[in-house]
PDB file of N, CA and C in Angstrom:
ATOM      1  N   MET A   1       2.615  22.548 -47.552  1.00  0.00           N
ATOM      2  CA  MET A   1       3.811  21.746 -47.351  1.00  0.00           C
ATOM      3  C   MET A   1       4.761  21.965 -48.527  1.00  0.00           C
ATOM      4  N   SER A   2       6.027  22.039 -48.226  1.00  0.00           N
ATOM      5  CA  SER A   2       7.063  22.174 -49.244  1.00  0.00           C
ATOM      6  C   SER A   2       7.752  20.838 -49.434  1.00  0.00           C
ATOM      7  N   THR A   3       8.295  20.652 -50.624  1.00  0.00           N
ATOM      8  CA  THR A   3       9.015  19.422 -50.951  1.00  0.00           C
ATOM      9  C   THR A   3      10.506  19.660 -50.792  1.00  0.00           C
ATOM     10  N   PHE A   4      11.193  18.673 -50.228  1.00  0.00           N
ATOM     11  CA  PHE A   4      12.636  18.747 -50.048  1.00  0.00           C
ATOM     12  C   PHE A   4      13.292  17.473 -50.570  1.00  0.00           C
ATOM     13  N   ILE A   5      14.468  17.653 -51.147  1.00  0.00           N
ATOM     14  CA  ILE A   5      15.300  16.541 -51.607  1.00  0.00           C
ATOM     15  C   ILE A   5      16.512  16.537 -50.682  1.00  0.00           C
ATOM     16  N   MET A   6      16.839  15.374 -50.138  1.00  0.00           N
ATOM     17  CA  MET A   6      17.991  15.291 -49.250  1.00  0.00           C
ATOM     18  C   MET A   6      18.942  14.208 -49.749  1.00  0.00           C
ATOM     19  N   LEU A   7      20.196  14.603 -49.918  1.00  0.00           N
ATOM     20  CA  LEU A   7      21.246  13.649 -50.244  1.00  0.00           C
ATOM     21  C   LEU A   7      21.993  13.326 -48.965  1.00  0.00           C
ATOM     22  N   THR A   8      22.255  12.046 -48.742  1.00  0.00           N
ATOM     23  CA  THR A   8      22.965  11.616 -47.544  1.00  0.00           C
ATOM     24  C   THR A   8      24.164  10.777 -47.957  1.00  0.00           C
ATOM     25  N   ARG A   9      25.280  11.075 -47.323  1.00  0.00           N
ATOM     26  CA  ARG A   9      26.501  10.287 -47.537  1.00  0.00           C
ATOM     27  C   ARG A   9      26.896   9.702 -46.189  1.00  0.00           C
ATOM     28  N   LEU A  10      27.010   8.390 -46.146  1.00  0.00           N
ATOM     29  CA  LEU A  10      27.390   7.715 -44.899  1.00  0.00           C
ATOM     30  C   LEU A  10      28.894   7.753 -44.701  1.00  0.00           C
ATOM     31  N   SER A  11      29.298   7.756 -43.444  1.00  0.00           N
ATOM     32  CA  SER A  11      30.724   7.701 -43.127  1.00  0.00           C
ATOM     33  C   SER A  11      31.231   6.283 -43.337  1.00  0.00           C
ATOM     34  N   HIS A  12      32.531   6.142 -43.388  1.00  0.00           N
ATOM     35  CA  HIS A  12      33.125   4.815 -43.558  1.00  0.00           C
ATOM     36  C   HIS A  12      32.804   3.903 -42.376  1.00  0.00           C
ATOM     37  N   GLU A  13      32.661   4.474 -41.180  1.00  0.00           N
ATOM     38  CA  GLU A  13      32.325   3.668 -40.010  1.00  0.00           C
ATOM     39  C   GLU A  13      30.952   3.014 -40.170  1.00  0.00           C
ATOM     40  N   ALA A  14      30.019   3.732 -40.743  1.00  0.00           N
ATOM     41  CA  ALA A  14      28.670   3.190 -40.930  1.00  0.00           C
ATOM     42  C   ALA A  14      28.662   2.096 -41.986  1.00  0.00           C
ATOM     43  N   LEU A  15      29.572   2.185 -42.946  1.00  0.00           N
ATOM     44  CA  LEU A  15      29.590   1.215 -44.042  1.00  0.00           C
ATOM     45  C   LEU A  15      30.403  -0.032 -43.735  1.00  0.00           C
ATOM     46  N   LYS A  16      31.079  -0.084 -42.608  1.00  0.00           N
ATOM     47  CA  LYS A  16      31.885  -1.254 -42.272  1.00  0.00           C
ATOM     48  C   LYS A  16      31.039  -2.495 -42.091  1.00  0.00           C
ATOM     49  N   SER A  17      29.839  -2.352 -41.621  1.00  0.00           N
ATOM     50  CA  SER A  17      28.956  -3.488 -41.409  1.00  0.00           C
ATOM     51  C   SER A  17      27.609  -3.224 -42.084  1.00  0.00           C
ATOM     52  N   PRO A  18      27.426  -3.753 -43.283  1.00  0.00           N
ATOM     53  CA  PRO A  18      26.168  -3.522 -43.999  1.00  0.00           C
ATOM     54  C   PRO A  18      24.925  -3.939 -43.205  1.00  0.00           C
ATOM     55  N   ARG A  19      25.056  -4.929 -42.342  1.00  0.00           N
ATOM     56  CA  ARG A  19      23.904  -5.345 -41.531  1.00  0.00           C
ATOM     57  C   ARG A  19      23.449  -4.240 -40.585  1.00  0.00           C
ATOM     58  N   ASN A  20      24.380  -3.414 -40.180  1.00  0.00           N
ATOM     59  CA  ASN A  20      24.021  -2.317 -39.275  1.00  0.00           C
ATOM     60  C   ASN A  20      23.225  -1.218 -39.975  1.00  0.00           C
ATOM     61  N   LEU A  21      23.252  -1.191 -41.307  1.00  0.00           N
ATOM     62  CA  LEU A  21      22.524  -0.158 -42.037  1.00  0.00           C
ATOM     63  C   LEU A  21      21.021  -0.227 -41.768  1.00  0.00           C
ATOM     64  N   GLU A  22      20.482  -1.421 -41.700  1.00  0.00           N
ATOM     65  CA  GLU A  22      19.052  -1.563 -41.434  1.00  0.00           C
ATOM     66  C   GLU A  22      18.700  -1.078 -40.029  1.00  0.00           C
ATOM     67  N   THR A  23      19.526  -1.434 -39.065  1.00  0.00           N
ATOM     68  CA  THR A  23      19.306  -0.995 -37.682  1.00  0.00           C
ATOM     69  C   THR A  23      19.429   0.520 -37.573  1.00  0.00           C
ATOM     70  N   LEU A  24      20.460   1.067 -38.190  1.00  0.00           N
ATOM     71  CA  LEU A  24      20.662   2.515 -38.177  1.00  0.00           C
ATOM     72  C   LEU A  24      19.489   3.218 -38.857  1.00  0.00           C
ATOM     73  N   GLY A  25      19.064   2.707 -39.999  1.00  0.00           N
ATOM     74  CA  GLY A  25      17.939   3.302 -40.721  1.00  0.00           C
ATOM     75  C   GLY A  25      16.665   3.314 -39.894  1.00  0.00           C
ATOM     76  N   LYS A  26      16.405   2.233 -39.180  1.00  0.00           N
ATOM     77  CA  LYS A  26      15.200   2.158 -38.337  1.00  0.00           C
ATOM     78  C   LYS A  26      15.290   3.156 -37.188  1.00  0.00           C
ATOM     79  N   ALA A  27      16.459   3.266 -36.582  1.00  0.00           N
ATOM     80  CA  ALA A  27      16.626   4.211 -35.470  1.00  0.00           C
ATOM     81  C   ALA A  27      16.419   5.650 -35.947  1.00  0.00           C
ATOM     82  N   VAL A  28      16.973   5.986 -37.102  1.00  0.00           N
ATOM     83  CA  VAL A  28      16.821   7.333 -37.647  1.00  0.00           C
ATOM     84  C   VAL A  28      15.355   7.605 -37.978  1.00  0.00           C
ATOM     85  N   THR A  29      14.708   6.644 -38.639  1.00  0.00           N
ATOM     86  CA  THR A  29      13.295   6.797 -39.002  1.00  0.00           C
ATOM     87  C   THR A  29      12.417   6.995 -37.774  1.00  0.00           C
ATOM     88  N   ASP A  30      12.636   6.186 -36.756  1.00  0.00           N
ATOM     89  CA  ASP A  30      11.851   6.312 -35.525  1.00  0.00           C
ATOM     90  C   ASP A  30      12.040   7.686 -34.887  1.00  0.00           C
ATOM     91  N   ARG A  31      13.259   8.165 -34.869  1.00  0.00           N
ATOM     92  CA  ARG A  31      13.556   9.470 -34.264  1.00  0.00           C
ATOM     93  C   ARG A  31      12.893  10.602 -35.034  1.00  0.00           C
ATOM     94  N   ILE A  32      12.944  10.524 -36.375  1.00  0.00           N
ATOM     95  CA  ILE A  32      12.313  11.560 -37.194  1.00  0.00           C
ATOM     96  C   ILE A  32      10.801  11.542 -36.990  1.00  0.00           C
ATOM     97  N   ARG A  33      10.205  10.366 -36.950  1.00  0.00           N
ATOM     98  CA  ARG A  33       8.755  10.273 -36.733  1.00  0.00           C
ATOM     99  C   ARG A  33       8.359  10.868 -35.387  1.00  0.00           C
ATOM    100  N   THR A  34       9.187  10.657 -34.367  1.00  0.00           N
ATOM    101  CA  THR A  34       8.897  11.182 -33.031  1.00  0.00           C
ATOM    102  C   THR A  34       9.095  12.688 -32.960  1.00  0.00           C
ATOM    103  N   GLU A  35      10.226  13.162 -33.479  1.00  0.00           N
ATOM    104  CA  GLU A  35      10.588  14.576 -33.354  1.00  0.00           C
ATOM    105  C   GLU A  35       9.938  15.471 -34.409  1.00  0.00           C
ATOM    106  N   CYS A  36       9.551  14.889 -35.546  1.00  0.00           N
ATOM    107  CA  CYS A  36       9.014  15.681 -36.657  1.00  0.00           C
ATOM    108  C   CYS A  36       7.733  15.035 -37.197  1.00  0.00           C
ATOM    109  N   PRO A  37       6.687  14.972 -36.393  1.00  0.00           N
ATOM    110  CA  PRO A  37       5.470  14.287 -36.833  1.00  0.00           C
ATOM    111  C   PRO A  37       4.784  14.959 -38.019  1.00  0.00           C
ATOM    112  N   ASP A  38       5.126  16.210 -38.289  1.00  0.00           N
ATOM    113  CA  ASP A  38       4.521  16.932 -39.404  1.00  0.00           C
ATOM    114  C   ASP A  38       5.237  16.711 -40.737  1.00  0.00           C
ATOM    115  N   VAL A  39       6.313  15.910 -40.728  1.00  0.00           N
ATOM    116  CA  VAL A  39       7.072  15.603 -41.942  1.00  0.00           C
ATOM    117  C   VAL A  39       6.522  14.330 -42.570  1.00  0.00           C
ATOM    118  N   ASN A  40       6.316  14.374 -43.879  1.00  0.00           N
ATOM    119  CA  ASN A  40       5.823  13.204 -44.613  1.00  0.00           C
ATOM    120  C   ASN A  40       6.897  12.706 -45.566  1.00  0.00           C
ATOM    121  N   TRP A  41       7.275  11.441 -45.406  1.00  0.00           N
ATOM    122  CA  TRP A  41       8.286  10.844 -46.275  1.00  0.00           C
ATOM    123  C   TRP A  41       7.625  10.436 -47.576  1.00  0.00           C
ATOM    124  N   VAL A  42       8.214  10.807 -48.707  1.00  0.00           N
ATOM    125  CA  VAL A  42       7.659  10.488 -50.018  1.00  0.00           C
ATOM    126  C   VAL A  42       8.365   9.287 -50.617  1.00  0.00           C
ATOM    127  N   ALA A  43       9.711   9.289 -50.594  1.00  0.00           N
ATOM    128  CA  ALA A  43      10.465   8.194 -51.202  1.00  0.00           C
ATOM    129  C   ALA A  43      11.901   8.212 -50.703  1.00  0.00           C
ATOM    130  N   SER A  44      12.533   7.052 -50.759  1.00  0.00           N
ATOM    131  CA  SER A  44      13.951   6.907 -50.421  1.00  0.00           C
ATOM    132  C   SER A  44      14.602   6.003 -51.458  1.00  0.00           C
ATOM    133  N   TYR A  45      15.796   6.393 -51.880  1.00  0.00           N
ATOM    134  CA  TYR A  45      16.532   5.619 -52.878  1.00  0.00           C
ATOM    135  C   TYR A  45      17.989   5.486 -52.474  1.00  0.00           C
ATOM    136  N   ALA A  46      18.565   4.316 -52.692  1.00  0.00           N
ATOM    137  CA  ALA A  46      20.011   4.149 -52.638  1.00  0.00           C
ATOM    138  C   ALA A  46      20.497   4.556 -54.023  1.00  0.00           C
ATOM    139  N   VAL A  47      21.531   5.394 -54.086  1.00  0.00           N
ATOM    140  CA  VAL A  47      21.984   5.909 -55.381  1.00  0.00           C
ATOM    141  C   VAL A  47      23.481   5.675 -55.557  1.00  0.00           C
ATOM    142  N   LEU A  48      23.902   5.685 -56.802  1.00  0.00           N
ATOM    143  CA  LEU A  48      25.314   5.603 -57.144  1.00  0.00           C
ATOM    144  C   LEU A  48      25.809   7.024 -57.357  1.00  0.00           C
ATOM    145  N   GLY A  49      27.010   7.305 -56.936  1.00  0.00           N
ATOM    146  CA  GLY A  49      27.550   8.655 -57.098  1.00  0.00           C
ATOM    147  C   GLY A  49      28.117   9.150 -55.786  1.00  0.00           C
ATOM    148  N   PRO A  50      28.264  10.472 -55.638  1.00  0.00           N
ATOM    149  CA  PRO A  50      28.876  11.004 -54.424  1.00  0.00           C
ATOM    150  C   PRO A  50      28.019  10.827 -53.172  1.00  0.00           C
ATOM    151  N   ALA A  51      26.718  10.649 -53.337  1.00  0.00           N
ATOM    152  CA  ALA A  51      25.833  10.411 -52.190  1.00  0.00           C
ATOM    153  C   ALA A  51      25.458   8.927 -52.170  1.00  0.00           C
ATOM    154  N   ASP A  52      25.068   8.456 -50.991  1.00  0.00           N
ATOM    155  CA  ASP A  52      24.631   7.066 -50.848  1.00  0.00           C
ATOM    156  C   ASP A  52      23.115   6.934 -50.962  1.00  0.00           C
ATOM    157  N   TYR A  53      22.400   7.973 -50.504  1.00  0.00           N
ATOM    158  CA  TYR A  53      20.940   7.921 -50.494  1.00  0.00           C
ATOM    159  C   TYR A  53      20.360   9.245 -50.942  1.00  0.00           C
ATOM    160  N   LEU A  54      19.182   9.162 -51.552  1.00  0.00           N
ATOM    161  CA  LEU A  54      18.402  10.334 -51.917  1.00  0.00           C
ATOM    162  C   LEU A  54      17.018  10.132 -51.312  1.00  0.00           C
ATOM    163  N   ASP A  55      16.597  11.084 -50.521  1.00  0.00           N
ATOM    164  CA  ASP A  55      15.278  11.027 -49.887  1.00  0.00           C
ATOM    165  C   ASP A  55      14.454  12.216 -50.351  1.00  0.00           C
ATOM    166  N   ILE A  56      13.170  11.981 -50.512  1.00  0.00           N
ATOM    167  CA  ILE A  56      12.222  13.036 -50.857  1.00  0.00           C
ATOM    168  C   ILE A  56      11.189  13.079 -49.740  1.00  0.00           C
ATOM    169  N   PHE A  57      10.989  14.264 -49.170  1.00  0.00           N
ATOM    170  CA  PHE A  57      10.002  14.404 -48.109  1.00  0.00           C
ATOM    171  C   PHE A  57       9.341  15.764 -48.191  1.00  0.00           C
ATOM    172  N   SER A  58       8.183  15.876 -47.581  1.00  0.00           N
ATOM    173  CA  SER A  58       7.517  17.172 -47.510  1.00  0.00           C
ATOM    174  C   SER A  58       7.493  17.609 -46.056  1.00  0.00           C
ATOM    175  N   ALA A  59       7.627  18.903 -45.867  1.00  0.00           N
ATOM    176  CA  ALA A  59       7.659  19.484 -44.524  1.00  0.00           C
ATOM    177  C   ALA A  59       6.992  20.852 -44.579  1.00  0.00           C
ATOM    178  N   PRO A  60       6.440  21.294 -43.463  1.00  0.00           N
ATOM    179  CA  PRO A  60       5.743  22.575 -43.459  1.00  0.00           C
ATOM    180  C   PRO A  60       6.657  23.795 -43.531  1.00  0.00           C
ATOM    181  N   SER A  61       7.956  23.604 -43.278  1.00  0.00           N
ATOM    182  CA  SER A  61       8.855  24.764 -43.257  1.00  0.00           C
ATOM    183  C   SER A  61      10.301  24.328 -43.445  1.00  0.00           C
ATOM    184  N   ILE A  62      11.143  25.300 -43.751  1.00  0.00           N
ATOM    185  CA  ILE A  62      12.580  25.048 -43.858  1.00  0.00           C
ATOM    186  C   ILE A  62      13.136  24.615 -42.502  1.00  0.00           C
ATOM    187  N   GLU A  63      12.544  25.119 -41.441  1.00  0.00           N
ATOM    188  CA  GLU A  63      12.992  24.735 -40.095  1.00  0.00           C
ATOM    189  C   GLU A  63      12.758  23.241 -39.855  1.00  0.00           C
ATOM    190  N   SER A  64      11.624  22.739 -40.295  1.00  0.00           N
ATOM    191  CA  SER A  64      11.344  21.301 -40.143  1.00  0.00           C
ATOM    192  C   SER A  64      12.314  20.467 -40.970  1.00  0.00           C
ATOM    193  N   ALA A  65      12.608  20.916 -42.184  1.00  0.00           N
ATOM    194  CA  ALA A  65      13.560  20.195 -43.037  1.00  0.00           C
ATOM    195  C   ALA A  65      14.957  20.210 -42.423  1.00  0.00           C
ATOM    196  N   THR A  66      15.318  21.334 -41.837  1.00  0.00           N
ATOM    197  CA  THR A  66      16.616  21.442 -41.160  1.00  0.00           C
ATOM    198  C   THR A  66      16.680  20.483 -39.979  1.00  0.00           C
ATOM    199  N   LYS A  67      15.595  20.367 -39.261  1.00  0.00           N
ATOM    200  CA  LYS A  67      15.529  19.455 -38.118  1.00  0.00           C
ATOM    201  C   LYS A  67      15.744  18.005 -38.569  1.00  0.00           C
ATOM    202  N   VAL A  68      15.122  17.614 -39.695  1.00  0.00           N
ATOM    203  CA  VAL A  68      15.299  16.262 -40.237  1.00  0.00           C
ATOM    204  C   VAL A  68      16.777  16.011 -40.533  1.00  0.00           C
ATOM    205  N   ALA A  69      17.405  16.930 -41.240  1.00  0.00           N
ATOM    206  CA  ALA A  69      18.817  16.766 -41.594  1.00  0.00           C
ATOM    207  C   ALA A  69      19.704  16.712 -40.351  1.00  0.00           C
ATOM    208  N   THR A  70      19.381  17.528 -39.372  1.00  0.00           N
ATOM    209  CA  THR A  70      20.173  17.552 -38.136  1.00  0.00           C
ATOM    210  C   THR A  70      20.028  16.251 -37.363  1.00  0.00           C
ATOM    211  N   ILE A  71      18.827  15.707 -37.319  1.00  0.00           N
ATOM    212  CA  ILE A  71      18.630  14.414 -36.639  1.00  0.00           C
ATOM    213  C   ILE A  71      19.504  13.354 -37.285  1.00  0.00           C
ATOM    214  N   ILE A  72      19.533  13.321 -38.596  1.00  0.00           N
ATOM    215  CA  ILE A  72      20.354  12.326 -39.284  1.00  0.00           C
ATOM    216  C   ILE A  72      21.823  12.514 -38.931  1.00  0.00           C
ATOM    217  N   ARG A  73      22.274  13.762 -38.895  1.00  0.00           N
ATOM    218  CA  ARG A  73      23.676  14.025 -38.563  1.00  0.00           C
ATOM    219  C   ARG A  73      24.011  13.699 -37.117  1.00  0.00           C
ATOM    220  N   THR A  74      23.033  13.805 -36.195  1.00  0.00           N
ATOM    221  CA  THR A  74      23.333  13.547 -34.789  1.00  0.00           C
ATOM    222  C   THR A  74      23.678  12.090 -34.522  1.00  0.00           C
ATOM    223  N   PHE A  75      23.303  11.219 -35.433  1.00  0.00           N
ATOM    224  CA  PHE A  75      23.680   9.816 -35.260  1.00  0.00           C
ATOM    225  C   PHE A  75      25.163   9.601 -35.544  1.00  0.00           C
ATOM    226  N   GLY A  76      25.837  10.620 -36.083  1.00  0.00           N
ATOM    227  CA  GLY A  76      27.283  10.587 -36.248  1.00  0.00           C
ATOM    228  C   GLY A  76      27.780   9.744 -37.385  1.00  0.00           C
ATOM    229  N   HIS A  77      26.921   9.358 -38.271  1.00  0.00           N
ATOM    230  CA  HIS A  77      27.342   8.472 -39.351  1.00  0.00           C
ATOM    231  C   HIS A  77      27.130   9.064 -40.734  1.00  0.00           C
ATOM    232  N   ALA A  78      26.699  10.319 -40.836  1.00  0.00           N
ATOM    233  CA  ALA A  78      26.340  10.832 -42.149  1.00  0.00           C
ATOM    234  C   ALA A  78      26.511  12.338 -42.267  1.00  0.00           C
ATOM    235  N   THR A  79      26.644  12.775 -43.505  1.00  0.00           N
ATOM    236  CA  THR A  79      26.537  14.182 -43.845  1.00  0.00           C
ATOM    237  C   THR A  79      25.316  14.296 -44.761  1.00  0.00           C
ATOM    238  N   THR A  80      24.672  15.443 -44.728  1.00  0.00           N
ATOM    239  CA  THR A  80      23.462  15.628 -45.533  1.00  0.00           C
ATOM    240  C   THR A  80      23.535  16.927 -46.317  1.00  0.00           C
ATOM    241  N   GLU A  81      22.774  16.954 -47.381  1.00  0.00           N
ATOM    242  CA  GLU A  81      22.598  18.150 -48.200  1.00  0.00           C
ATOM    243  C   GLU A  81      21.114  18.206 -48.536  1.00  0.00           C
ATOM    244  N   VAL A  82      20.464  19.316 -48.243  1.00  0.00           N
ATOM    245  CA  VAL A  82      19.020  19.427 -48.442  1.00  0.00           C
ATOM    246  C   VAL A  82      18.727  20.528 -49.452  1.00  0.00           C
ATOM    247  N   TRP A  83      17.874  20.213 -50.397  1.00  0.00           N
ATOM    248  CA  TRP A  83      17.452  21.170 -51.423  1.00  0.00           C
ATOM    249  C   TRP A  83      15.950  21.335 -51.364  1.00  0.00           C
ATOM    250  N   GLY A  84      15.488  22.571 -51.463  1.00  0.00           N
ATOM    251  CA  GLY A  84      14.059  22.811 -51.646  1.00  0.00           C
ATOM    252  C   GLY A  84      13.713  22.471 -53.083  1.00  0.00           C
ATOM    253  N   ALA A  85      12.539  21.910 -53.318  1.00  0.00           N
ATOM    254  CA  ALA A  85      12.136  21.519 -54.670  1.00  0.00           C
ATOM    255  C   ALA A  85      10.717  21.987 -54.947  1.00  0.00           C
ATOM    256  N   THR A  86      10.487  22.395 -56.177  1.00  0.00           N
ATOM    257  CA  THR A  86       9.162  22.816 -56.613  1.00  0.00           C
ATOM    258  C   THR A  86       8.705  21.883 -57.720  1.00  0.00           C
ATOM    259  N   PRO A  87       7.538  21.273 -57.584  1.00  0.00           N
ATOM    260  CA  PRO A  87       7.034  20.417 -58.670  1.00  0.00           C
ATOM    261  C   PRO A  87       6.966  21.208 -59.982  1.00  0.00           C
ATOM    262  N   TRP A  88       7.254  20.538 -61.088  1.00  0.00           N
ATOM    263  CA  TRP A  88       7.375  21.190 -62.383  1.00  0.00           C
ATOM    264  C   TRP A  88       6.146  22.030 -62.730  1.00  0.00           C
ATOM    265  N   GLY A  89       4.961  21.492 -62.541  1.00  0.00           N
ATOM    266  CA  GLY A  89       3.741  22.234 -62.858  1.00  0.00           C
ATOM    267  C   GLY A  89       3.616  23.515 -62.048  1.00  0.00           C
ATOM    268  N   GLU A  90       3.950  23.451 -60.767  1.00  0.00           N
ATOM    269  CA  GLU A  90       3.915  24.653 -59.926  1.00  0.00           C
ATOM    270  C   GLU A  90       4.969  25.663 -60.372  1.00  0.00           C
ATOM    271  N   PHE A  91       6.149  25.162 -60.728  1.00  0.00           N
ATOM    272  CA  PHE A  91       7.220  26.036 -61.202  1.00  0.00           C
ATOM    273  C   PHE A  91       6.773  26.803 -62.444  1.00  0.00           C
ATOM    274  N   LEU A  92       6.162  26.083 -63.393  1.00  0.00           N
ATOM    275  CA  LEU A  92       5.694  26.749 -64.607  1.00  0.00           C
ATOM    276  C   LEU A  92       4.671  27.828 -64.277  1.00  0.00           C
ATOM    277  N   GLY A  93       3.785  27.559 -63.311  1.00  0.00           N
ATOM    278  CA  GLY A  93       2.819  28.553 -62.891  1.00  0.00           C
ATOM    279  C   GLY A  93       3.480  29.775 -62.282  1.00  0.00           C
ATOM    280  N   LEU A  94       4.573  29.578 -61.549  1.00  0.00           N
ATOM    281  CA  LEU A  94       5.285  30.692 -60.922  1.00  0.00           C
ATOM    282  C   LEU A  94       5.976  31.591 -61.943  1.00  0.00           C
ATOM    283  N   VAL A  95       6.512  30.992 -62.987  1.00  0.00           N
ATOM    284  CA  VAL A  95       7.318  31.773 -63.933  1.00  0.00           C
ATOM    285  C   VAL A  95       6.554  32.198 -65.180  1.00  0.00           C
ATOM    286  N   ARG A  96       5.378  31.665 -65.383  1.00  0.00           N
ATOM    287  CA  ARG A  96       4.614  31.928 -66.612  1.00  0.00           C
ATOM    288  C   ARG A  96       4.435  33.418 -66.892  1.00  0.00           C
ATOM    289  N   ASP A  97       4.155  34.207 -65.887  1.00  0.00           N
ATOM    290  CA  ASP A  97       3.863  35.623 -66.096  1.00  0.00           C
ATOM    291  C   ASP A  97       5.048  36.553 -65.846  1.00  0.00           C
ATOM    292  N   LEU A  98       6.225  35.992 -65.653  1.00  0.00           N
ATOM    293  CA  LEU A  98       7.398  36.850 -65.474  1.00  0.00           C
ATOM    294  C   LEU A  98       7.716  37.549 -66.791  1.00  0.00           C
ATOM    295  N   PRO A  99       8.119  38.803 -66.729  1.00  0.00           N
ATOM    296  CA  PRO A  99       8.471  39.487 -67.979  1.00  0.00           C
ATOM    297  C   PRO A  99       9.772  38.911 -68.540  1.00  0.00           C
ATOM    298  N   PRO A 100       9.931  38.968 -69.854  1.00  0.00           N
ATOM    299  CA  PRO A 100      11.172  38.456 -70.445  1.00  0.00           C
ATOM    300  C   PRO A 100      12.359  39.324 -70.040  1.00  0.00           C
ATOM    301  N   ALA A 101      13.522  38.714 -70.062  1.00  0.00           N
ATOM    302  CA  ALA A 101      14.742  39.470 -69.759  1.00  0.00           C
ATOM    303  C   ALA A 101      14.970  40.489 -70.865  1.00  0.00           C
ATOM    304  N   GLU A 102      15.442  41.644 -70.487  1.00  0.00           N
ATOM    305  CA  GLU A 102      15.757  42.671 -71.475  1.00  0.00           C
ATOM    306  C   GLU A 102      17.236  42.584 -71.789  1.00  0.00           C
ATOM    307  N   LEU A 103      17.541  42.454 -73.054  1.00  0.00           N
ATOM    308  CA  LEU A 103      18.930  42.429 -73.464  1.00  0.00           C
ATOM    309  C   LEU A 103      19.405  43.863 -73.660  1.00  0.00           C
ATOM    310  N   ARG A 104      20.458  44.192 -72.953  1.00  0.00           N
ATOM    311  CA  ARG A 104      21.015  45.542 -73.080  1.00  0.00           C
ATOM    312  C   ARG A 104      22.204  45.490 -74.014  1.00  0.00           C
ATOM    313  N   ALA A 105      22.238  46.378 -74.958  1.00  0.00           N
ATOM    314  CA  ALA A 105      23.311  46.405 -75.950  1.00  0.00           C
ATOM    315  C   ALA A 105      24.673  46.574 -75.290  1.00  0.00           C
ATOM    316  N   ASP A 106      24.742  47.337 -74.189  1.00  0.00           N
ATOM    317  CA  ASP A 106      26.030  47.565 -73.546  1.00  0.00           C
ATOM    318  C   ASP A 106      26.558  46.324 -72.823  1.00  0.00           C
ATOM    319  N   LEU A 107      25.694  45.307 -72.604  1.00  0.00           N
ATOM    320  CA  LEU A 107      26.146  44.086 -71.959  1.00  0.00           C
ATOM    321  C   LEU A 107      26.489  42.990 -72.964  1.00  0.00           C
ATOM    322  N   LEU A 108      26.079  43.182 -74.217  1.00  0.00           N
ATOM    323  CA  LEU A 108      26.388  42.197 -75.247  1.00  0.00           C
ATOM    324  C   LEU A 108      27.820  42.399 -75.713  1.00  0.00           C
ATOM    325  N   VAL A 109      28.542  41.320 -75.823  1.00  0.00           N
ATOM    326  CA  VAL A 109      29.948  41.397 -76.251  1.00  0.00           C
ATOM    327  C   VAL A 109      30.077  40.623 -77.549  1.00  0.00           C
ATOM    328  N   ASP A 110      30.711  41.238 -78.508  1.00  0.00           N
ATOM    329  CA  ASP A 110      30.952  40.588 -79.799  1.00  0.00           C
ATOM    330  C   ASP A 110      32.116  39.624 -79.607  1.00  0.00           C
ATOM    331  N   ARG A 111      31.860  38.324 -79.695  1.00  0.00           N
ATOM    332  CA  ARG A 111      32.920  37.329 -79.495  1.00  0.00           C
ATOM    333  C   ARG A 111      34.050  37.470 -80.503  1.00  0.00           C
ATOM    334  N   ARG A 112      33.743  37.939 -81.683  1.00  0.00           N
ATOM    335  CA  ARG A 112      34.800  38.109 -82.684  1.00  0.00           C
ATOM    336  C   ARG A 112      35.810  39.156 -82.215  1.00  0.00           C
ATOM    337  N   ALA A 113      35.347  40.162 -81.523  1.00  0.00           N
ATOM    338  CA  ALA A 113      36.243  41.213 -81.032  1.00  0.00           C
ATOM    339  C   ALA A 113      37.126  40.685 -79.920  1.00  0.00           C
ATOM    340  N   GLN A 114      36.621  39.715 -79.137  1.00  0.00           N
ATOM    341  CA  GLN A 114      37.415  39.153 -78.034  1.00  0.00           C
ATOM    342  C   GLN A 114      38.544  38.278 -78.536  1.00  0.00           C
ATOM    343  N   THR A 115      38.358  37.604 -79.643  1.00  0.00           N
ATOM    344  CA  THR A 115      39.380  36.680 -80.126  1.00  0.00           C
ATOM    345  C   THR A 115      40.386  37.358 -81.033  1.00  0.00           C
ATOM    346  N   ALA A 116      40.115  38.588 -81.421  1.00  0.00           N
ATOM    347  CA  ALA A 116      41.020  39.289 -82.345  1.00  0.00           C
ATOM    348  C   ALA A 116      42.251  39.791 -81.631  1.00  0.00           C
TER     349      ALA A 116
END
């Protein structure tokens, strides 16, 4: 299973009635559970900033994650952005044996020469 981070921004129509947020959230959750039974929800947060919500979930494939985001958008009240995420320990394992970058002299630029 892969981990995905999803940012969701609600439309102004969805925010007109805060009471409807709970109903909308339940409808979306029920639909995702029905259509994507292989997706596991890890956490959901209301956030401050350009997005309204941040969700963390695991899915067996990018196709499953895309399906989750599309279901949310089909309700007509949100835009989504989905990022694949790698847990820090796994990331370190992936990059530990990578060779270091080679610095080529022809790509190095002397900043003093640029400002002169």
